Each structure stands twice: as C-alpha cells, then as structure tokens.
Amino acid sequence: MMWLLLSAILALTLLLLATLRETKARRTALESELSALQERVSALIKGVAGQSKKLEATQGQLTVIQQRMDKLAHRMDTPPDYRWAIKNAASGKSAEELIGSHGLTRGEAELLTGLNRRPEH
C-alpha cells in the first residue's frame, strides 16, 4: 500500500514537473512574441508620427495655396479702378506703384504708364 501511495506521489510530481516545464517554455515563447509585437507597435508609432508631420506640412501648404487662390479670386471679382490708375499714371506714378495701389497686372500697369507718359521736351 505504501508503494502504491509513493508511486502515486512520484507520478504526480513528474506530472507537475512536466507541466511546469511546458508552462515555462510557453511563457518564454509568449514573452518573445510580446517583445516582437512591442517592437512593431513602436515602429508603427514612429511611422504615424512621421506621417503626422507630413500631414501638418501639407495642411500648411494648402492654407498658403488657399490664401493665394482667395487673393486671385478677389482680384478677378473686383476689376481695377482704371480711372484712378490712369490719373496716377498721368501724374507720373510707376508701373510698380500702379500694381501695388490699384491691383493691376504688370501688363495693364505698363500699358497705362506707356500711354500716359508726359511728353519729354
């Protein structure tokens, strides 16, 4: 009877040792898998941060483009005041001054200054 009890204890001990080894091996595998996943997540986070910076830069560029488009649309919607531009050109204002003060294109400003030049004596 004693042998039977000792055999049962020995069998349980061997079973527990085998289970412990399997558990340790599984834990090691899971820790390795977790480490690999953490590295992948870290790489993804860095990639997202890089994309976020690119997105911010693109949004900044789009804002500048939108502002330029708004200015151009405003120029197209609001025709230049040619009467004042002609008077200023006749009074000797340069093409650059007409462009800045009346919103004329370079061609328009040069045409007005050319047509309204004072004759030289």
PDB file of N, CA and C in Angstrom:
ATOM      1  N   MET A   1       0.816  -1.168   0.000  1.00  0.00           N
ATOM      2  CA  MET A   1       0.000   0.000   0.000  1.00  0.00           C
ATOM      3  C   MET A   1       0.872   1.248   0.000  1.00  0.00           C
ATOM      4  N   MET A   2       1.927   1.178   0.719  1.00  0.00           N
ATOM      5  CA  MET A   2       2.865   2.281   0.798  1.00  0.00           C
ATOM      6  C   MET A   2       3.498   2.521  -0.571  1.00  0.00           C
ATOM      7  N   TRP A   3       3.784   1.382  -1.244  1.00  0.00           N
ATOM      8  CA  TRP A   3       4.369   1.511  -2.572  1.00  0.00           C
ATOM      9  C   TRP A   3       3.379   2.185  -3.528  1.00  0.00           C
ATOM     10  N   LEU A   4       2.184   1.899  -3.373  1.00  0.00           N
ATOM     11  CA  LEU A   4       1.141   2.465  -4.227  1.00  0.00           C
ATOM     12  C   LEU A   4       1.023   3.973  -3.982  1.00  0.00           C
ATOM     13  N   LEU A   5       1.067   4.358  -2.737  1.00  0.00           N
ATOM     14  CA  LEU A   5       1.000   5.772  -2.375  1.00  0.00           C
ATOM     15  C   LEU A   5       2.241   6.514  -2.873  1.00  0.00           C
ATOM     16  N   LEU A   6       3.421   5.920  -2.683  1.00  0.00           N
ATOM     17  CA  LEU A   6       4.660   6.542  -3.165  1.00  0.00           C
ATOM     18  C   LEU A   6       4.665   6.628  -4.683  1.00  0.00           C
ATOM     19  N   SER A   7       4.150   5.623  -5.342  1.00  0.00           N
ATOM     20  CA  SER A   7       4.081   5.632  -6.808  1.00  0.00           C
ATOM     21  C   SER A   7       3.158   6.746  -7.280  1.00  0.00           C
ATOM     22  N   ALA A   8       2.051   6.937  -6.615  1.00  0.00           N
ATOM     23  CA  ALA A   8       1.101   7.995  -6.978  1.00  0.00           C
ATOM     24  C   ALA A   8       1.723   9.372  -6.761  1.00  0.00           C
ATOM     25  N   ILE A   9       2.435   9.513  -5.633  1.00  0.00           N
ATOM     26  CA  ILE A   9       3.099  10.807  -5.347  1.00  0.00           C
ATOM     27  C   ILE A   9       4.179  11.067  -6.389  1.00  0.00           C
ATOM     28  N   LEU A  10       4.947  10.046  -6.729  1.00  0.00           N
ATOM     29  CA  LEU A  10       6.004  10.184  -7.732  1.00  0.00           C
ATOM     30  C   LEU A  10       5.388  10.533  -9.095  1.00  0.00           C
ATOM     31  N   ALA A  11       4.311   9.896  -9.467  1.00  0.00           N
ATOM     32  CA  ALA A  11       3.642  10.170 -10.746  1.00  0.00           C
ATOM     33  C   ALA A  11       3.124  11.603 -10.782  1.00  0.00           C
ATOM     34  N   LEU A  12       2.518  12.049  -9.678  1.00  0.00           N
ATOM     35  CA  LEU A  12       2.029  13.441  -9.608  1.00  0.00           C
ATOM     36  C   LEU A  12       3.176  14.435  -9.674  1.00  0.00           C
ATOM     37  N   THR A  13       4.265  14.131  -9.005  1.00  0.00           N
ATOM     38  CA  THR A  13       5.438  15.005  -9.021  1.00  0.00           C
ATOM     39  C   THR A  13       5.981  15.113 -10.439  1.00  0.00           C
ATOM     40  N   LEU A  14       6.114  13.998 -11.141  1.00  0.00           N
ATOM     41  CA  LEU A  14       6.618  14.015 -12.517  1.00  0.00           C
ATOM     42  C   LEU A  14       5.659  14.780 -13.436  1.00  0.00           C
ATOM     43  N   LEU A  15       4.376  14.592 -13.216  1.00  0.00           N
ATOM     44  CA  LEU A  15       3.375  15.304 -13.991  1.00  0.00           C
ATOM     45  C   LEU A  15       3.462  16.819 -13.750  1.00  0.00           C
ATOM     46  N   LEU A  16       3.620  17.205 -12.501  1.00  0.00           N
ATOM     47  CA  LEU A  16       3.778  18.628 -12.163  1.00  0.00           C
ATOM     48  C   LEU A  16       5.045  19.212 -12.756  1.00  0.00           C
ATOM     49  N   LEU A  17       6.143  18.470 -12.715  1.00  0.00           N
ATOM     50  CA  LEU A  17       7.406  18.939 -13.308  1.00  0.00           C
ATOM     51  C   LEU A  17       7.260  19.121 -14.818  1.00  0.00           C
ATOM     52  N   ALA A  18       6.617  18.173 -15.478  1.00  0.00           N
ATOM     53  CA  ALA A  18       6.411  18.275 -16.927  1.00  0.00           C
ATOM     54  C   ALA A  18       5.530  19.486 -17.257  1.00  0.00           C
ATOM     55  N   THR A  19       4.491  19.673 -16.473  1.00  0.00           N
ATOM     56  CA  THR A  19       3.598  20.814 -16.680  1.00  0.00           C
ATOM     57  C   THR A  19       4.342  22.126 -16.441  1.00  0.00           C
ATOM     58  N   LEU A  20       5.199  22.139 -15.424  1.00  0.00           N
ATOM     59  CA  LEU A  20       5.989  23.330 -15.119  1.00  0.00           C
ATOM     60  C   LEU A  20       6.923  23.662 -16.274  1.00  0.00           C
ATOM     61  N   ARG A  21       7.587  22.635 -16.842  1.00  0.00           N
ATOM     62  CA  ARG A  21       8.483  22.857 -17.984  1.00  0.00           C
ATOM     63  C   ARG A  21       7.697  23.407 -19.178  1.00  0.00           C
ATOM     64  N   GLU A  22       6.552  22.834 -19.449  1.00  0.00           N
ATOM     65  CA  GLU A  22       5.719  23.303 -20.565  1.00  0.00           C
ATOM     66  C   GLU A  22       5.270  24.745 -20.334  1.00  0.00           C
ATOM     67  N   THR A  23       4.909  25.037 -19.102  1.00  0.00           N
ATOM     68  CA  THR A  23       4.472  26.388 -18.766  1.00  0.00           C
ATOM     69  C   THR A  23       5.609  27.392 -18.944  1.00  0.00           C
ATOM     70  N   LYS A  24       6.813  27.011 -18.499  1.00  0.00           N
ATOM     71  CA  LYS A  24       7.970  27.908 -18.670  1.00  0.00           C
ATOM     72  C   LYS A  24       8.280  28.110 -20.144  1.00  0.00           C
ATOM     73  N   ALA A  25       8.228  27.025 -20.922  1.00  0.00           N
ATOM     74  CA  ALA A  25       8.500  27.134 -22.358  1.00  0.00           C
ATOM     75  C   ALA A  25       7.458  28.027 -23.029  1.00  0.00           C
ATOM     76  N   ARG A  26       6.212  27.863 -22.669  1.00  0.00           N
ATOM     77  CA  ARG A  26       5.128  28.680 -23.231  1.00  0.00           C
ATOM     78  C   ARG A  26       5.283  30.143 -22.821  1.00  0.00           C
ATOM     79  N   ARG A  27       5.688  30.356 -21.569  1.00  0.00           N
ATOM     80  CA  ARG A  27       5.903  31.722 -21.082  1.00  0.00           C
ATOM     81  C   ARG A  27       7.035  32.381 -21.856  1.00  0.00           C
ATOM     82  N   THR A  28       8.125  31.658 -22.080  1.00  0.00           N
ATOM     83  CA  THR A  28       9.251  32.190 -22.843  1.00  0.00           C
ATOM     84  C   THR A  28       8.815  32.543 -24.265  1.00  0.00           C
ATOM     85  N   ALA A  29       8.043  31.671 -24.884  1.00  0.00           N
ATOM     86  CA  ALA A  29       7.547  31.943 -26.238  1.00  0.00           C
ATOM     87  C   ALA A  29       6.632  33.165 -26.256  1.00  0.00           C
ATOM     88  N   LEU A  30       5.755  33.275 -25.265  1.00  0.00           N
ATOM     89  CA  LEU A  30       4.854  34.426 -25.191  1.00  0.00           C
ATOM     90  C   LEU A  30       5.606  35.726 -24.943  1.00  0.00           C
ATOM     91  N   GLU A  31       6.638  35.671 -24.092  1.00  0.00           N
ATOM     92  CA  GLU A  31       7.442  36.870 -23.839  1.00  0.00           C
ATOM     93  C   GLU A  31       8.166  37.300 -25.111  1.00  0.00           C
ATOM     94  N   SER A  32       8.670  36.336 -25.874  1.00  0.00           N
ATOM     95  CA  SER A  32       9.338  36.643 -27.131  1.00  0.00           C
ATOM     96  C   SER A  32       8.351  37.258 -28.126  1.00  0.00           C
ATOM     97  N   GLU A  33       7.170  36.688 -28.196  1.00  0.00           N
ATOM     98  CA  GLU A  33       6.133  37.209 -29.082  1.00  0.00           C
ATOM     99  C   GLU A  33       5.710  38.609 -28.663  1.00  0.00           C
ATOM    100  N   LEU A  34       5.579  38.818 -27.362  1.00  0.00           N
ATOM    101  CA  LEU A  34       5.224  40.135 -26.844  1.00  0.00           C
ATOM    102  C   LEU A  34       6.296  41.158 -27.194  1.00  0.00           C
ATOM    103  N   SER A  35       7.543  40.792 -27.049  1.00  0.00           N
ATOM    104  CA  SER A  35       8.646  41.697 -27.378  1.00  0.00           C
ATOM    105  C   SER A  35       8.606  42.081 -28.862  1.00  0.00           C
ATOM    106  N   ALA A  36       8.375  41.094 -29.717  1.00  0.00           N
ATOM    107  CA  ALA A  36       8.285  41.376 -31.151  1.00  0.00           C
ATOM    108  C   ALA A  36       7.108  42.309 -31.454  1.00  0.00           C
ATOM    109  N   LEU A  37       5.987  42.079 -30.805  1.00  0.00           N
ATOM    110  CA  LEU A  37       4.817  42.940 -31.004  1.00  0.00           C
ATOM    111  C   LEU A  37       5.077  44.359 -30.508  1.00  0.00           C
ATOM    112  N   GLN A  38       5.773  44.479 -29.391  1.00  0.00           N
ATOM    113  CA  GLN A  38       6.102  45.810 -28.872  1.00  0.00           C
ATOM    114  C   GLN A  38       6.996  46.558 -29.849  1.00  0.00           C
ATOM    115  N   GLU A  39       7.943  45.866 -30.469  1.00  0.00           N
ATOM    116  CA  GLU A  39       8.815  46.499 -31.459  1.00  0.00           C
ATOM    117  C   GLU A  39       8.012  46.958 -32.671  1.00  0.00           C
ATOM    118  N   ARG A  40       7.069  46.122 -33.104  1.00  0.00           N
ATOM    119  CA  ARG A  40       6.237  46.501 -34.245  1.00  0.00           C
ATOM    120  C   ARG A  40       5.366  47.707 -33.923  1.00  0.00           C
ATOM    121  N   VAL A  41       4.794  47.722 -32.726  1.00  0.00           N
ATOM    122  CA  VAL A  41       3.959  48.855 -32.315  1.00  0.00           C
ATOM    123  C   VAL A  41       4.804  50.128 -32.247  1.00  0.00           C
ATOM    124  N   SER A  42       6.000  50.001 -31.719  1.00  0.00           N
ATOM    125  CA  SER A  42       6.895  51.161 -31.638  1.00  0.00           C
ATOM    126  C   SER A  42       7.209  51.692 -33.035  1.00  0.00           C
ATOM    127  N   ALA A  43       7.490  50.792 -33.971  1.00  0.00           N
ATOM    128  CA  ALA A  43       7.763  51.209 -35.343  1.00  0.00           C
ATOM    129  C   ALA A  43       6.538  51.877 -35.966  1.00  0.00           C
ATOM    130  N   LEU A  44       5.367  51.334 -35.699  1.00  0.00           N
ATOM    131  CA  LEU A  44       4.136  51.937 -36.224  1.00  0.00           C
ATOM    132  C   LEU A  44       3.906  53.330 -35.651  1.00  0.00           C
ATOM    133  N   ILE A  45       4.182  53.489 -34.368  1.00  0.00           N
ATOM    134  CA  ILE A  45       4.015  54.802 -33.735  1.00  0.00           C
ATOM    135  C   ILE A  45       4.962  55.815 -34.367  1.00  0.00           C
ATOM    136  N   LYS A  46       6.204  55.409 -34.604  1.00  0.00           N
ATOM    137  CA  LYS A  46       7.158  56.312 -35.263  1.00  0.00           C
ATOM    138  C   LYS A  46       6.679  56.664 -36.666  1.00  0.00           C
ATOM    139  N   GLY A  47       6.146  55.676 -37.371  1.00  0.00           N
ATOM    140  CA  GLY A  47       5.628  55.936 -38.717  1.00  0.00           C
ATOM    141  C   GLY A  47       4.455  56.898 -38.698  1.00  0.00           C
ATOM    142  N   VAL A  48       3.583  56.728 -37.733  1.00  0.00           N
ATOM    143  CA  VAL A  48       2.425  57.624 -37.604  1.00  0.00           C
ATOM    144  C   VAL A  48       2.899  59.043 -37.284  1.00  0.00           C
ATOM    145  N   ALA A  49       3.898  59.145 -36.425  1.00  0.00           N
ATOM    146  CA  ALA A  49       4.421  60.474 -36.080  1.00  0.00           C
ATOM    147  C   ALA A  49       5.001  61.145 -37.317  1.00  0.00           C
ATOM    148  N   GLY A  50       5.726  60.376 -38.123  1.00  0.00           N
ATOM    149  CA  GLY A  50       6.283  60.932 -39.361  1.00  0.00           C
ATOM    150  C   GLY A  50       5.187  61.360 -40.326  1.00  0.00           C
ATOM    151  N   GLN A  51       4.160  60.549 -40.456  1.00  0.00           N
ATOM    152  CA  GLN A  51       3.051  60.894 -41.336  1.00  0.00           C
ATOM    153  C   GLN A  51       2.303  62.109 -40.808  1.00  0.00           C
ATOM    154  N   SER A  52       2.225  62.221 -39.493  1.00  0.00           N
ATOM    155  CA  SER A  52       1.552  63.370 -38.892  1.00  0.00           C
ATOM    156  C   SER A  52       2.291  64.663 -39.241  1.00  0.00           C
ATOM    157  N   LYS A  53       3.618  64.617 -39.184  1.00  0.00           N
ATOM    158  CA  LYS A  53       4.414  65.806 -39.552  1.00  0.00           C
ATOM    159  C   LYS A  53       4.218  66.150 -41.022  1.00  0.00           C
ATOM    160  N   LYS A  54       4.192  65.123 -41.879  1.00  0.00           N
ATOM    161  CA  LYS A  54       3.973  65.372 -43.306  1.00  0.00           C
ATOM    162  C   LYS A  54       2.586  65.956 -43.541  1.00  0.00           C
ATOM    163  N   LEU A  55       1.607  65.452 -42.811  1.00  0.00           N
ATOM    164  CA  LEU A  55       0.246  65.955 -42.944  1.00  0.00           C
ATOM    165  C   LEU A  55       0.162  67.419 -42.514  1.00  0.00           C
ATOM    166  N   GLU A  56       0.824  67.759 -41.420  1.00  0.00           N
ATOM    167  CA  GLU A  56       0.832  69.153 -40.961  1.00  0.00           C
ATOM    168  C   GLU A  56       1.478  70.057 -42.001  1.00  0.00           C
ATOM    169  N   ALA A  57       2.585  69.597 -42.583  1.00  0.00           N
ATOM    170  CA  ALA A  57       3.260  70.393 -43.614  1.00  0.00           C
ATOM    171  C   ALA A  57       2.347  70.572 -44.826  1.00  0.00           C
ATOM    172  N   THR A  58       1.668  69.515 -45.216  1.00  0.00           N
ATOM    173  CA  THR A  58       0.755  69.581 -46.353  1.00  0.00           C
ATOM    174  C   THR A  58      -0.409  70.527 -46.057  1.00  0.00           C
ATOM    175  N   GLN A  59      -0.919  70.467 -44.833  1.00  0.00           N
ATOM    176  CA  GLN A  59      -2.012  71.372 -44.463  1.00  0.00           C
ATOM    177  C   GLN A  59      -1.542  72.823 -44.510  1.00  0.00           C
ATOM    178  N   GLY A  60      -0.305  73.067 -44.075  1.00  0.00           N
ATOM    179  CA  GLY A  60       0.251  74.418 -44.151  1.00  0.00           C
ATOM    180  C   GLY A  60       0.356  74.891 -45.592  1.00  0.00           C
ATOM    181  N   GLN A  61       0.813  74.004 -46.467  1.00  0.00           N
ATOM    182  CA  GLN A  61       0.927  74.350 -47.885  1.00  0.00           C
ATOM    183  C   GLN A  61      -0.449  74.612 -48.483  1.00  0.00           C
ATOM    184  N   LEU A  62      -1.427  73.803 -48.100  1.00  0.00           N
ATOM    185  CA  LEU A  62      -2.785  74.009 -48.607  1.00  0.00           C
ATOM    186  C   LEU A  62      -3.358  75.339 -48.135  1.00  0.00           C
ATOM    187  N   THR A  63      -3.034  75.727 -46.919  1.00  0.00           N
ATOM    188  CA  THR A  63      -3.506  77.016 -46.401  1.00  0.00           C
ATOM    189  C   THR A  63      -2.934  78.157 -47.232  1.00  0.00           C
ATOM    190  N   VAL A  64      -1.632  78.065 -47.529  1.00  0.00           N
ATOM    191  CA  VAL A  64      -0.987  79.108 -48.347  1.00  0.00           C
ATOM    192  C   VAL A  64      -1.614  79.147 -49.737  1.00  0.00           C
ATOM    193  N   ILE A  65      -1.828  77.980 -50.324  1.00  0.00           N
ATOM    194  CA  ILE A  65      -2.435  77.923 -51.655  1.00  0.00           C
ATOM    195  C   ILE A  65      -3.842  78.504 -51.622  1.00  0.00           C
ATOM    196  N   GLN A  66      -4.605  78.171 -50.579  1.00  0.00           N
ATOM    197  CA  GLN A  66      -5.964  78.699 -50.465  1.00  0.00           C
ATOM    198  C   GLN A  66      -5.946  80.219 -50.348  1.00  0.00           C
ATOM    199  N   GLN A  67      -4.996  80.754 -49.576  1.00  0.00           N
ATOM    200  CA  GLN A  67      -4.896  82.207 -49.445  1.00  0.00           C
ATOM    201  C   GLN A  67      -4.572  82.856 -50.785  1.00  0.00           C
ATOM    202  N   ARG A  68      -3.663  82.236 -51.532  1.00  0.00           N
ATOM    203  CA  ARG A  68      -3.316  82.769 -52.857  1.00  0.00           C
ATOM    204  C   ARG A  68      -4.518  82.723 -53.786  1.00  0.00           C
ATOM    205  N   MET A  69      -5.254  81.614 -53.736  1.00  0.00           N
ATOM    206  CA  MET A  69      -6.433  81.483 -54.586  1.00  0.00           C
ATOM    207  C   MET A  69      -7.482  82.528 -54.212  1.00  0.00           C
ATOM    208  N   ASP A  70      -7.642  82.779 -52.909  1.00  0.00           N
ATOM    209  CA  ASP A  70      -8.598  83.796 -52.464  1.00  0.00           C
ATOM    210  C   ASP A  70      -8.203  85.176 -52.984  1.00  0.00           C
ATOM    211  N   LYS A  71      -6.907  85.483 -52.938  1.00  0.00           N
ATOM    212  CA  LYS A  71      -6.438  86.778 -53.445  1.00  0.00           C
ATOM    213  C   LYS A  71      -6.701  86.894 -54.944  1.00  0.00           C
ATOM    214  N   LEU A  72      -6.407  85.813 -55.669  1.00  0.00           N
ATOM    215  CA  LEU A  72      -6.635  85.837 -57.113  1.00  0.00           C
ATOM    216  C   LEU A  72      -8.123  85.968 -57.429  1.00  0.00           C
ATOM    217  N   ALA A  73      -8.942  85.253 -56.688  1.00  0.00           N
ATOM    218  CA  ALA A  73     -10.385  85.337 -56.908  1.00  0.00           C
ATOM    219  C   ALA A  73     -10.887  86.748 -56.616  1.00  0.00           C
ATOM    220  N   HIS A  74     -10.339  87.349 -55.566  1.00  0.00           N
ATOM    221  CA  HIS A  74     -10.741  88.719 -55.230  1.00  0.00           C
ATOM    222  C   HIS A  74     -10.341  89.680 -56.352  1.00  0.00           C
ATOM    223  N   ARG A  75      -9.154  89.495 -56.883  1.00  0.00           N
ATOM    224  CA  ARG A  75      -8.715  90.347 -57.994  1.00  0.00           C
ATOM    225  C   ARG A  75      -9.627  90.173 -59.203  1.00  0.00           C
ATOM    226  N   MET A  76     -10.030  88.921 -59.449  1.00  0.00           N
ATOM    227  CA  MET A  76     -10.874  88.664 -60.606  1.00  0.00           C
ATOM    228  C   MET A  76     -12.290  89.204 -60.393  1.00  0.00           C
ATOM    229  N   ASP A  77     -12.772  89.149 -59.157  1.00  0.00           N
ATOM    230  CA  ASP A  77     -14.117  89.631 -58.850  1.00  0.00           C
ATOM    231  C   ASP A  77     -14.187  91.146 -58.790  1.00  0.00           C
ATOM    232  N   THR A  78     -13.083  91.780 -58.461  1.00  0.00           N
ATOM    233  CA  THR A  78     -13.056  93.227 -58.297  1.00  0.00           C
ATOM    234  C   THR A  78     -12.176  93.827 -59.387  1.00  0.00           C
ATOM    235  N   PRO A  79     -12.799  94.334 -60.447  1.00  0.00           N
ATOM    236  CA  PRO A  79     -11.975  94.904 -61.514  1.00  0.00           C
ATOM    237  C   PRO A  79     -11.224  96.133 -61.008  1.00  0.00           C
ATOM    238  N   PRO A  80     -10.042  96.359 -61.512  1.00  0.00           N
ATOM    239  CA  PRO A  80      -9.263  97.511 -61.060  1.00  0.00           C
ATOM    240  C   PRO A  80      -9.978  98.828 -61.413  1.00  0.00           C
ATOM    241  N   ASP A  81      -9.734  99.823 -60.631  1.00  0.00           N
ATOM    242  CA  ASP A  81     -10.302 101.150 -60.882  1.00  0.00           C
ATOM    243  C   ASP A  81      -9.380 101.853 -61.882  1.00  0.00           C
ATOM    244  N   TYR A  82      -9.736 101.718 -63.137  1.00  0.00           N
ATOM    245  CA  TYR A  82      -8.858 102.254 -64.192  1.00  0.00           C
ATOM    246  C   TYR A  82      -8.814 103.782 -64.197  1.00  0.00           C
ATOM    247  N   ARG A  83      -9.909 104.431 -63.791  1.00  0.00           N
ATOM    248  CA  ARG A  83      -9.891 105.903 -63.806  1.00  0.00           C
ATOM    249  C   ARG A  83      -8.795 106.440 -62.896  1.00  0.00           C
ATOM    250  N   TRP A  84      -8.734 105.926 -61.679  1.00  0.00           N
ATOM    251  CA  TRP A  84      -7.701 106.383 -60.743  1.00  0.00           C
ATOM    252  C   TRP A  84      -6.326 105.951 -61.217  1.00  0.00           C
ATOM    253  N   ALA A  85      -6.251 104.754 -61.766  1.00  0.00           N
ATOM    254  CA  ALA A  85      -4.959 104.264 -62.255  1.00  0.00           C
ATOM    255  C   ALA A  85      -4.466 105.151 -63.401  1.00  0.00           C
ATOM    256  N   ILE A  86      -5.382 105.575 -64.294  1.00  0.00           N
ATOM    257  CA  ILE A  86      -4.987 106.444 -65.413  1.00  0.00           C
ATOM    258  C   ILE A  86      -4.522 107.794 -64.884  1.00  0.00           C
ATOM    259  N   LYS A  87      -5.246 108.344 -63.912  1.00  0.00           N
ATOM    260  CA  LYS A  87      -4.837 109.632 -63.326  1.00  0.00           C
ATOM    261  C   LYS A  87      -3.465 109.518 -62.668  1.00  0.00           C
ATOM    262  N   ASN A  88      -3.275 108.424 -61.925  1.00  0.00           N
ATOM    263  CA  ASN A  88      -1.974 108.235 -61.267  1.00  0.00           C
ATOM    264  C   ASN A  88      -0.861 108.027 -62.285  1.00  0.00           C
ATOM    265  N   ALA A  89      -1.153 107.294 -63.352  1.00  0.00           N
ATOM    266  CA  ALA A  89      -0.145 107.087 -64.392  1.00  0.00           C
ATOM    267  C   ALA A  89       0.182 108.416 -65.058  1.00  0.00           C
ATOM    268  N   ALA A  90      -0.836 109.224 -65.302  1.00  0.00           N
ATOM    269  CA  ALA A  90      -0.621 110.536 -65.924  1.00  0.00           C
ATOM    270  C   ALA A  90       0.160 111.461 -65.005  1.00  0.00           C
ATOM    271  N   SER A  91       0.036 111.264 -63.705  1.00  0.00           N
ATOM    272  CA  SER A  91       0.769 112.125 -62.771  1.00  0.00           C
ATOM    273  C   SER A  91       2.189 111.628 -62.532  1.00  0.00           C
ATOM    274  N   GLY A  92       2.562 110.532 -63.208  1.00  0.00           N
ATOM    275  CA  GLY A  92       3.948 110.094 -63.132  1.00  0.00           C
ATOM    276  C   GLY A  92       4.209 108.864 -62.262  1.00  0.00           C
ATOM    277  N   LYS A  93       3.161 108.209 -61.774  1.00  0.00           N
ATOM    278  CA  LYS A  93       3.373 107.000 -60.964  1.00  0.00           C
ATOM    279  C   LYS A  93       3.964 105.903 -61.842  1.00  0.00           C
ATOM    280  N   SER A  94       4.792 105.092 -61.223  1.00  0.00           N
ATOM    281  CA  SER A  94       5.428 103.990 -61.955  1.00  0.00           C
ATOM    282  C   SER A  94       4.468 102.802 -62.075  1.00  0.00           C
ATOM    283  N   ALA A  95       4.823 101.873 -62.964  1.00  0.00           N
ATOM    284  CA  ALA A  95       4.014 100.663 -63.131  1.00  0.00           C
ATOM    285  C   ALA A  95       3.948  99.892 -61.814  1.00  0.00           C
ATOM    286  N   GLU A  96       5.065  99.834 -61.090  1.00  0.00           N
ATOM    287  CA  GLU A  96       5.090  99.125 -59.792  1.00  0.00           C
ATOM    288  C   GLU A  96       4.109  99.745 -58.811  1.00  0.00           C
ATOM    289  N   GLU A  97       4.051 101.068 -58.797  1.00  0.00           N
ATOM    290  CA  GLU A  97       3.124 101.753 -57.887  1.00  0.00           C
ATOM    291  C   GLU A  97       1.668 101.468 -58.278  1.00  0.00           C
ATOM    292  N   LEU A  98       1.386 101.413 -59.570  1.00  0.00           N
ATOM    293  CA  LEU A  98       0.028 101.112 -60.025  1.00  0.00           C
ATOM    294  C   LEU A  98      -0.358  99.675 -59.667  1.00  0.00           C
ATOM    295  N   ILE A  99       0.593  98.781 -59.793  1.00  0.00           N
ATOM    296  CA  ILE A  99       0.321  97.380 -59.441  1.00  0.00           C
ATOM    297  C   ILE A  99      -0.028  97.281 -57.959  1.00  0.00           C
ATOM    298  N   GLY A 100       0.771  97.930 -57.126  1.00  0.00           N
ATOM    299  CA  GLY A 100       0.561  97.849 -55.680  1.00  0.00           C
ATOM    300  C   GLY A 100      -0.690  98.560 -55.204  1.00  0.00           C
ATOM    301  N   SER A 101      -0.996  99.712 -55.787  1.00  0.00           N
ATOM    302  CA  SER A 101      -2.105 100.503 -55.256  1.00  0.00           C
ATOM    303  C   SER A 101      -3.442 100.233 -55.940  1.00  0.00           C
ATOM    304  N   HIS A 102      -3.439  99.709 -57.163  1.00  0.00           N
ATOM    305  CA  HIS A 102      -4.692  99.514 -57.896  1.00  0.00           C
ATOM    306  C   HIS A 102      -4.980  98.057 -58.237  1.00  0.00           C
ATOM    307  N   GLY A 103      -4.071  97.165 -57.926  1.00  0.00           N
ATOM    308  CA  GLY A 103      -4.303  95.751 -58.203  1.00  0.00           C
ATOM    309  C   GLY A 103      -4.242  95.404 -59.676  1.00  0.00           C
ATOM    310  N   LEU A 104      -3.504  96.215 -60.440  1.00  0.00           N
ATOM    311  CA  LEU A 104      -3.379  95.938 -61.863  1.00  0.00           C
ATOM    312  C   LEU A 104      -2.364  94.824 -62.101  1.00  0.00           C
ATOM    313  N   THR A 105      -2.501  94.184 -63.248  1.00  0.00           N
ATOM    314  CA  THR A 105      -1.462  93.241 -63.649  1.00  0.00           C
ATOM    315  C   THR A 105      -0.288  94.050 -64.186  1.00  0.00           C
ATOM    316  N   ARG A 106       0.841  93.405 -64.323  1.00  0.00           N
ATOM    317  CA  ARG A 106       2.023  94.120 -64.828  1.00  0.00           C
ATOM    318  C   ARG A 106       1.743  94.674 -66.230  1.00  0.00           C
ATOM    319  N   GLY A 107       1.109  93.876 -67.071  1.00  0.00           N
ATOM    320  CA  GLY A 107       0.815  94.324 -68.436  1.00  0.00           C
ATOM    321  C   GLY A 107      -0.083  95.549 -68.453  1.00  0.00           C
ATOM    322  N   GLU A 108      -1.122  95.527 -67.606  1.00  0.00           N
ATOM    323  CA  GLU A 108      -2.031  96.670 -67.536  1.00  0.00           C
ATOM    324  C   GLU A 108      -1.295  97.922 -67.061  1.00  0.00           C
ATOM    325  N   ALA A 109      -0.492  97.753 -66.007  1.00  0.00           N
ATOM    326  CA  ALA A 109       0.224  98.900 -65.446  1.00  0.00           C
ATOM    327  C   ALA A 109       1.214  99.469 -66.451  1.00  0.00           C
ATOM    328  N   GLU A 110       1.924  98.621 -67.165  1.00  0.00           N
ATOM    329  CA  GLU A 110       2.897  99.108 -68.156  1.00  0.00           C
ATOM    330  C   GLU A 110       2.187  99.788 -69.326  1.00  0.00           C
ATOM    331  N   LEU A 111       1.033  99.239 -69.717  1.00  0.00           N
ATOM    332  CA  LEU A 111       0.265  99.863 -70.795  1.00  0.00           C
ATOM    333  C   LEU A 111      -0.190 101.262 -70.386  1.00  0.00           C
ATOM    334  N   LEU A 112      -0.735 101.390 -69.167  1.00  0.00           N
ATOM    335  CA  LEU A 112      -1.211 102.702 -68.719  1.00  0.00           C
ATOM    336  C   LEU A 112      -0.075 103.702 -68.568  1.00  0.00           C
ATOM    337  N   THR A 113       1.044 103.251 -68.007  1.00  0.00           N
ATOM    338  CA  THR A 113       2.164 104.199 -67.866  1.00  0.00           C
ATOM    339  C   THR A 113       2.725 104.570 -69.238  1.00  0.00           C
ATOM    340  N   GLY A 114       2.728 103.653 -70.180  1.00  0.00           N
ATOM    341  CA  GLY A 114       3.223 103.947 -71.534  1.00  0.00           C
ATOM    342  C   GLY A 114       2.309 104.896 -72.262  1.00  0.00           C
ATOM    343  N   LEU A 115       1.013 104.710 -72.137  1.00  0.00           N
ATOM    344  CA  LEU A 115       0.043 105.557 -72.826  1.00  0.00           C
ATOM    345  C   LEU A 115      -0.071 106.935 -72.190  1.00  0.00           C
ATOM    346  N   ASN A 116       0.230 107.040 -70.920  1.00  0.00           N
ATOM    347  CA  ASN A 116       0.011 108.294 -70.193  1.00  0.00           C
ATOM    348  C   ASN A 116       1.313 108.987 -69.819  1.00  0.00           C
ATOM    349  N   ARG A 117       2.391 108.662 -70.480  1.00  0.00           N
ATOM    350  CA  ARG A 117       3.668 109.343 -70.210  1.00  0.00           C
ATOM    351  C   ARG A 117       3.567 110.788 -70.678  1.00  0.00           C
ATOM    352  N   ARG A 118       4.181 111.608 -69.892  1.00  0.00           N
ATOM    353  CA  ARG A 118       4.252 113.013 -70.279  1.00  0.00           C
ATOM    354  C   ARG A 118       5.279 113.150 -71.397  1.00  0.00           C
ATOM    355  N   PRO A 119       4.926 113.892 -72.383  1.00  0.00           N
ATOM    356  CA  PRO A 119       5.914 114.089 -73.474  1.00  0.00           C
ATOM    357  C   PRO A 119       7.131 114.823 -72.944  1.00  0.00           C
ATOM    358  N   GLU A 120       8.285 114.343 -73.351  1.00  0.00           N
ATOM    359  CA  GLU A 120       9.527 114.999 -72.928  1.00  0.00           C
ATOM    360  C   GLU A 120       9.865 116.112 -73.893  1.00  0.00           C
ATOM    361  N   HIS A 121      10.268 117.268 -73.375  1.00  0.00           N
ATOM    362  CA  HIS A 121      10.581 118.429 -74.211  1.00  0.00           C
ATOM    363  C   HIS A 121      12.028 118.500 -74.514  1.00  0.00           C
TER     364      HIS A 121
END
